[in-house]
Amino acid sequence: MLVSPSDLSESLLMRASSLILVALAVVPALTACTDSRRAQNDVKWADRPADITCWSYGVQNFAGRSTGKVEYDEGGRISFVDAANGRFTTIDGDCRVVYAKAD
């Protein structure tokens, strides 16, 4: 059975189009995972300052900045060195920790 050149080029065009569509779908997904993993590792291992805001029963009870890394324990407490007074501080409550951007 002979295949005409037009059938062959149409088949190659369809295959190439399919590969391009798959690549366009997969590459952003892989990049997002990589960025997410990089940010997570950066928070775990970097020693950068963070802005910390904590609440207890809906009332803000702390707002400040750490001098470096914020540690988390199993009970939900956070520990850090407070930049305002240089003291080791432990807080139990609902806290938002926002790390400074990497240089």
Protein backbone atom coordinates (compact mmCIF):
# COMPACT_ATOMS: atom_id res chain seq x y z
CA MET A 1 0.00 0.00 0.00
CA LEU A 2 1.40 3.35 -1.02
CA VAL A 3 0.99 6.47 1.09
CA SER A 4 0.64 9.75 -0.70
CA PRO A 5 2.92 12.66 0.34
CA SER A 6 -0.07 14.76 1.38
CA ASP A 7 -1.31 12.01 3.75
CA LEU A 8 2.18 11.69 5.23
CA SER A 9 2.60 15.43 5.82
CA GLU A 10 -0.88 15.65 7.34
CA SER A 11 -0.05 12.80 9.72
CA LEU A 12 3.23 14.45 10.74
CA LEU A 13 1.47 17.78 11.24
CA MET A 14 -1.14 16.15 13.51
CA ARG A 15 1.55 14.37 15.53
CA ALA A 16 3.60 17.57 15.90
CA SER A 17 0.51 19.52 16.96
CA SER A 18 -0.32 16.90 19.59
CA LEU A 19 3.21 17.02 21.01
CA ILE A 20 3.14 20.81 21.19
CA LEU A 21 -0.19 20.78 23.03
CA VAL A 22 1.09 18.22 25.52
CA ALA A 23 4.26 20.24 26.09
CA LEU A 24 2.24 23.43 26.64
CA ALA A 25 0.15 21.65 29.27
CA VAL A 26 3.01 19.89 31.08
CA VAL A 27 5.67 22.63 31.25
CA PRO A 28 3.63 25.11 33.34
CA ALA A 29 2.63 22.35 35.75
CA LEU A 30 6.26 21.33 36.26
CA THR A 31 7.37 24.91 36.71
CA ALA A 32 4.69 25.56 39.33
CA CYS A 33 5.78 22.52 41.32
CA THR A 34 9.39 23.60 41.13
CA ASP A 35 8.62 27.15 42.30
CA SER A 36 6.49 25.83 45.13
CA ARG A 37 9.14 23.36 46.25
CA ARG A 38 11.86 26.02 46.02
CA ALA A 39 9.86 28.44 48.17
CA GLN A 40 9.10 25.73 50.72
CA ASN A 41 12.77 24.73 50.99
CA ASP A 42 13.81 28.35 51.20
CA VAL A 43 11.52 28.89 54.20
CA LYS A 44 12.74 25.71 55.91
CA TRP A 45 16.46 26.32 55.52
CA ALA A 46 16.96 30.07 55.10
CA ASP A 47 17.61 32.35 58.05
CA ARG A 48 15.68 35.41 56.88
CA PRO A 49 13.63 37.85 58.95
CA ALA A 50 9.84 37.55 58.92
CA ASP A 51 6.90 39.79 59.75
CA ILE A 52 4.72 38.00 62.30
CA THR A 53 1.13 38.77 63.24
CA CYS A 54 -0.78 36.61 65.75
CA TRP A 55 -4.37 36.47 66.92
CA SER A 56 -6.17 34.80 69.79
CA TYR A 57 -9.96 34.48 69.59
CA GLY A 58 -10.01 37.01 66.73
CA VAL A 59 -8.07 39.65 68.66
CA GLN A 60 -4.59 40.58 67.48
CA ASN A 61 -2.17 39.93 70.34
CA PHE A 62 1.20 40.29 68.60
CA ALA A 63 2.64 42.14 65.63
CA GLY A 64 6.37 42.24 65.12
CA ARG A 65 9.40 41.04 63.24
CA SER A 66 11.87 38.22 63.80
CA THR A 67 15.60 38.62 63.40
CA GLY A 68 15.81 35.31 61.54
CA LYS A 69 14.19 31.96 61.09
CA VAL A 70 10.89 31.16 62.82
CA GLU A 71 10.68 27.69 64.39
CA TYR A 72 7.43 25.72 64.62
CA ASP A 73 6.69 22.97 67.15
CA GLU A 74 4.12 20.16 67.13
CA GLY A 75 1.74 22.04 69.41
CA GLY A 76 1.29 24.95 67.03
CA ARG A 77 3.63 27.33 68.84
CA ILE A 78 6.13 29.50 67.02
CA SER A 79 9.49 30.59 68.42
CA PHE A 80 11.81 33.32 67.20
CA VAL A 81 14.08 36.16 68.31
CA ASP A 82 12.06 39.39 68.41
CA ALA A 83 13.81 42.14 66.44
CA ALA A 84 12.35 44.86 68.70
CA ASN A 85 13.98 43.66 71.92
CA GLY A 86 16.37 40.83 70.95
CA ARG A 87 14.59 38.35 73.23
CA PHE A 88 13.67 34.76 72.40
CA THR A 89 9.87 34.75 72.04
CA THR A 90 7.36 31.89 71.93
CA ILE A 91 3.76 32.49 70.89
CA ASP A 92 0.80 30.11 70.95
CA GLY A 93 -2.06 31.13 68.69
CA ASP A 94 -3.06 31.67 65.10
CA CYS A 95 -0.13 33.41 63.43
CA ARG A 96 0.69 34.65 59.98
CA VAL A 97 4.40 34.55 59.15
CA VAL A 98 5.57 36.44 56.06
CA TYR A 99 9.24 36.02 55.22
CA ALA A 100 11.28 38.77 53.59
CA LYS A 101 12.07 38.23 49.91
CA ALA A 102 15.38 36.61 49.05
CA ASP A 103 17.96 38.93 47.55
